[in-house]
Protein backbone atom coordinates (compact mmCIF):
# COMPACT_ATOMS: atom_id res chain seq x y z
CA MET A 1 -136.53 39.72 41.16
CA ASN A 2 -140.32 39.57 41.97
CA ALA A 3 -143.03 39.21 39.66
CA LYS A 4 -144.12 42.96 40.28
CA ILE A 5 -140.82 44.25 39.35
CA VAL A 6 -140.73 41.92 36.21
CA SER A 7 -144.28 43.05 35.09
CA ALA A 8 -143.43 46.76 35.61
CA ILE A 9 -140.44 46.27 33.28
CA GLY A 10 -142.58 44.55 30.72
CA ALA A 11 -145.40 47.22 30.97
CA ILE A 12 -142.73 49.88 30.25
CA ARG A 13 -141.28 48.15 27.34
CA GLN A 14 -144.65 47.72 25.85
CA GLU A 15 -145.57 51.53 26.24
CA THR A 16 -142.20 52.15 24.36
CA ARG A 17 -143.25 49.58 21.70
CA PHE A 18 -146.76 50.93 21.32
CA ASP A 19 -145.47 54.53 20.77
CA ILE A 20 -142.93 53.18 18.27
CA ILE A 21 -145.70 51.27 16.28
CA SER A 22 -148.10 54.13 16.59
CA ASN A 23 -145.61 56.66 14.77
CA ASN A 24 -144.94 53.82 12.15
CA LEU A 25 -148.84 53.73 11.48
CA SER A 26 -148.99 57.55 11.45
CA ASN A 27 -146.32 57.70 8.76
CA SER A 28 -147.60 54.76 6.58
CA GLN A 29 -148.55 57.17 3.80
CA THR A 30 -145.50 59.35 4.20
CA VAL A 31 -143.14 59.20 1.11
CA GLY A 32 -139.99 57.59 1.62
CA PHE A 33 -140.55 56.88 5.61
CA LYS A 34 -138.75 54.05 6.92
CA ARG A 35 -140.35 52.14 9.81
CA ASP A 36 -138.61 51.85 13.23
CA ILE A 37 -138.42 48.48 15.21
CA PRO A 38 -138.50 48.18 18.89
CA ILE A 39 -135.25 46.65 20.33
CA PHE A 40 -135.13 45.44 23.90
CA ARG A 41 -132.04 44.16 25.83
CA GLY A 42 -132.51 40.85 27.83
CA VAL A 43 -130.01 41.22 30.47
CA LEU A 44 -130.67 43.74 33.39
CA PRO A 45 -128.04 46.28 34.10
CA HIS A 46 -126.52 47.11 37.62
CA GLN A 47 -128.88 48.77 40.16
CA GLN A 48 -127.48 52.24 39.85
CA ASN A 49 -128.28 52.01 35.96
CA PHE A 50 -131.74 50.51 36.51
CA ILE A 51 -134.02 53.50 35.98
CA ASN A 52 -132.09 54.60 32.67
CA TYR A 53 -132.53 50.91 31.65
CA LEU A 54 -136.43 51.17 32.11
CA PHE A 55 -136.79 54.38 30.31
CA LYS A 56 -134.30 54.38 27.42
CA SER A 57 -136.07 53.83 24.44
CA GLU A 58 -133.95 51.74 21.90
CA LYS A 59 -135.00 51.09 18.10
CA ALA A 60 -133.61 50.20 14.96
CA MET A 61 -134.61 51.53 11.54
CA SER A 62 -135.59 49.25 8.61
CA PHE A 63 -134.34 50.34 5.07
CA GLY A 64 -136.41 47.95 3.40
CA GLN A 65 -137.57 49.23 -0.04
CA GLY A 66 -141.13 50.59 -0.19
CA GLU A 67 -143.33 50.09 -3.07
CA PHE A 68 -143.14 52.28 -6.03
CA GLN A 69 -145.86 54.82 -6.93
CA LYS A 70 -146.19 56.06 -10.34
CA THR A 71 -147.20 59.89 -10.40
CA GLY A 72 -145.87 60.99 -13.70
CA ASN A 73 -144.61 64.11 -12.27
CA GLU A 74 -141.21 64.96 -13.72
CA PHE A 75 -139.81 66.12 -10.59
CA ASP A 76 -140.89 63.21 -8.64
CA LEU A 77 -137.83 60.80 -8.26
CA ALA A 78 -137.64 57.38 -6.48
CA ILE A 79 -134.41 55.39 -5.50
CA ASP A 80 -134.57 51.84 -6.50
CA GLY A 81 -132.06 50.02 -3.98
CA GLU A 82 -129.54 51.65 -1.80
CA GLY A 83 -128.64 55.41 -1.66
CA PHE A 84 -129.97 58.78 -0.34
CA PHE A 85 -130.59 62.18 -2.02
CA LYS A 86 -128.56 64.81 -0.44
CA LEU A 87 -129.91 68.15 0.87
CA ASN A 88 -128.48 71.39 1.45
CA THR A 89 -130.20 72.63 4.96
CA PRO A 90 -129.47 75.48 7.20
CA MET A 91 -128.19 72.76 9.78
CA GLY A 92 -125.69 71.32 7.15
CA ILE A 93 -125.98 68.47 4.74
CA ARG A 94 -128.98 66.04 5.21
CA TYR A 95 -130.30 63.03 3.60
CA THR A 96 -133.45 61.55 2.52
CA ARG A 97 -135.30 58.89 0.51
CA ALA A 98 -138.31 61.42 -0.02
CA GLY A 99 -138.08 62.43 -3.87
CA ASN A 100 -141.09 64.47 -4.17
CA PHE A 101 -139.23 67.47 -5.51
CA LYS A 102 -140.25 70.66 -6.96
CA LEU A 103 -138.74 74.04 -8.49
CA ASP A 104 -138.65 77.18 -6.36
CA PRO A 105 -138.85 80.72 -8.01
CA SER A 106 -135.24 80.57 -8.53
CA LYS A 107 -135.62 77.49 -10.72
CA THR A 108 -133.55 75.52 -7.88
CA LEU A 109 -134.78 71.72 -7.29
CA THR A 110 -135.94 71.55 -3.82
CA ASN A 111 -137.85 69.31 -1.46
CA ASN A 112 -141.08 70.32 0.20
CA ASP A 113 -139.36 72.18 2.69
CA GLY A 114 -137.56 74.24 0.23
CA PHE A 115 -134.02 72.59 0.92
CA PRO A 116 -132.02 72.39 -2.57
CA VAL A 117 -131.14 68.89 -3.94
CA ILE A 118 -127.47 68.52 -4.28
CA GLY A 119 -125.82 67.39 -7.56
CA LYS A 120 -122.14 66.64 -8.38
CA ASN A 121 -121.79 70.21 -9.29
CA GLY A 122 -123.42 71.64 -6.32
CA VAL A 123 -127.07 72.78 -6.01
CA ILE A 124 -129.08 71.77 -9.17
CA LYS A 125 -130.69 74.56 -11.25
CA VAL A 126 -133.21 73.69 -13.96
CA GLU A 127 -133.50 76.44 -16.32
CA GLY A 128 -135.29 75.56 -19.59
CA GLY A 129 -138.01 73.11 -20.75
CA LYS A 130 -138.18 69.55 -20.68
CA ILE A 131 -136.48 67.93 -17.69
CA ILE A 132 -135.09 64.30 -18.06
CA VAL A 133 -133.49 62.28 -15.24
CA GLU A 134 -131.64 59.24 -16.31
CA THR A 135 -131.68 56.01 -14.25
CA ASP A 136 -127.87 56.81 -13.21
CA GLY A 137 -128.95 60.34 -11.90
CA THR A 138 -127.87 62.37 -15.01
CA VAL A 139 -130.13 65.45 -15.31
CA LYS A 140 -130.95 66.68 -18.78
CA VAL A 141 -132.63 69.82 -19.62
CA ASP A 142 -133.79 70.33 -23.37
CA GLY A 143 -131.37 67.41 -24.16
CA ASN A 144 -128.41 69.06 -22.51
CA ILE A 145 -126.72 67.46 -19.53
CA ILE A 146 -126.63 69.97 -16.67
CA ASP A 147 -125.59 67.91 -13.72
CA LYS A 148 -125.86 64.40 -11.91
CA ILE A 149 -127.65 63.76 -8.76
CA ASP A 150 -125.20 63.11 -5.87
CA LEU A 151 -126.78 59.73 -4.66
CA VAL A 152 -124.87 58.45 -1.61
CA SER A 153 -124.89 55.76 1.02
CA PHE A 154 -122.92 54.79 4.00
CA LYS A 155 -120.80 51.67 5.34
CA ASP A 156 -122.80 51.50 8.54
CA LEU A 157 -126.37 52.28 8.22
CA LYS A 158 -126.79 52.06 12.09
CA ALA A 159 -125.22 55.37 12.01
CA ILE A 160 -128.17 57.06 10.37
CA LYS A 161 -130.45 59.02 12.55
CA LYS A 162 -133.92 60.23 11.86
CA GLU A 163 -134.40 63.97 12.45
CA GLY A 164 -138.14 64.34 11.47
CA ASN A 165 -139.65 65.76 8.06
CA ASN A 166 -138.20 62.81 6.49
CA LEU A 167 -134.61 63.97 6.84
CA PHE A 168 -131.61 61.80 8.12
CA SER A 169 -128.35 62.82 9.73
CA VAL A 170 -125.04 60.90 9.87
CA GLU A 171 -122.15 61.34 12.19
CA ASN A 172 -118.82 59.73 12.08
CA GLN A 173 -119.39 58.19 8.78
CA GLU A 174 -117.95 59.07 5.30
CA GLU A 175 -120.18 59.15 2.33
CA ARG A 176 -119.86 56.50 -0.17
CA VAL A 177 -120.91 57.16 -3.72
CA VAL A 178 -123.66 54.67 -4.97
CA GLU A 179 -121.67 52.78 -7.76
CA GLU A 180 -124.67 51.57 -9.89
CA PRO A 181 -127.55 54.00 -8.84
CA LYS A 182 -131.04 53.73 -10.07
CA ILE A 183 -133.37 56.45 -9.89
CA LEU A 184 -137.01 56.33 -11.52
CA GLN A 185 -138.41 59.64 -12.71
CA GLY A 186 -142.12 59.98 -12.43
CA PHE A 187 -142.27 57.68 -9.45
CA LEU A 188 -142.27 58.29 -5.66
CA GLU A 189 -141.23 55.43 -3.15
CA SER A 190 -143.85 54.79 -0.60
CA SER A 191 -143.46 54.09 3.02
CA ASN A 192 -142.11 50.72 3.93
CA VAL A 193 -144.78 50.52 6.64
CA ASN A 194 -147.40 47.70 6.23
CA PRO A 195 -150.33 49.10 8.10
CA ILE A 196 -151.92 45.43 8.69
CA GLU A 197 -148.71 43.93 10.29
CA GLU A 198 -148.45 47.12 12.36
CA MET A 199 -151.98 46.88 13.59
CA ILE A 200 -151.35 43.42 14.60
CA GLU A 201 -148.01 44.40 16.35
CA LEU A 202 -150.05 47.30 18.20
CA MET A 203 -152.67 44.76 19.51
CA GLU A 204 -150.12 42.41 20.85
CA ALA A 205 -148.29 45.25 22.35
CA PHE A 206 -151.47 46.29 24.30
CA ARG A 207 -152.55 42.83 25.22
CA THR A 208 -149.16 42.19 26.86
CA PHE A 209 -149.21 45.60 28.46
CA GLU A 210 -152.76 44.73 29.98
CA SER A 211 -151.46 41.23 31.15
CA CYS A 212 -148.36 42.93 32.81
CA MET A 213 -150.79 45.38 34.61
CA LYS A 214 -152.91 42.52 35.97
CA VAL A 215 -150.14 40.80 37.65
CA ILE A 216 -148.95 44.16 39.31
CA GLN A 217 -152.52 44.61 40.38
CA SER A 218 -152.77 41.04 41.63
CA GLN A 219 -149.37 41.33 43.41
CA ASP A 220 -150.54 44.66 45.04
CA GLU A 221 -153.67 42.91 46.29
CA MET A 222 -151.51 39.98 47.75
CA ASP A 223 -149.25 42.59 49.37
CA SER A 224 -152.16 44.64 51.00
CA LYS A 225 -153.57 41.28 52.13
CA ALA A 226 -150.23 40.13 53.76
CA VAL A 227 -150.04 43.57 55.60
CA ASN A 228 -153.42 43.34 56.86
CA GLU A 229 -153.07 39.83 58.13
CA LEU A 230 -149.63 40.87 59.97
CA GLY A 231 -151.68 43.69 61.57
CA ARG A 232 -154.12 41.25 63.03
CA ILE A 233 -151.59 38.92 64.25
CA ARG A 234 -149.83 41.78 66.28
């Protein structure tokens, strides 16, 4: 495989890397956001799959813990360790790490998009005064237990897919109850994106892309020169 093709592959990969890193940076302040990591295969496929190979974006999600931000808001909840909150959405059950919840007019605990939070007994209704959420997810209102947050996880985290708006979907995986949940009331989990590290990655991707393009340009000039010389010989 000549240098021009290798450099073209490199340039396309860096564009993909650039897009992923840019999205990470744009969500560095998004509650509960999990950064993506670009992944590239090292072995070229057969020729018939070559175009798909070039343009297919591959990435993995990092589920590393984000830092905790204290808010003091009784409806803000952060998960310390594994697990996801469950939400009832028009698309079906969806999952999130973003615990910036609120009460809607019907006193239902929802996320910012109005999707109800699911407890062991179904949608969580908070009717009363003071709400306390224990670390195990038990929800108390005015000292009375009304429900328990249904915190779940999955055996294979690779099956979890982003859907936007801090929602995750899962296919072909059964929910697994988190045996020792740890929920912090009055806190939010920040994004696990480190802006400084992402900026360094972004600059490296840009420099590599420029290097690949210079090789392609140089190869084009050499090819053009060879064609001109061949024309003069004839």
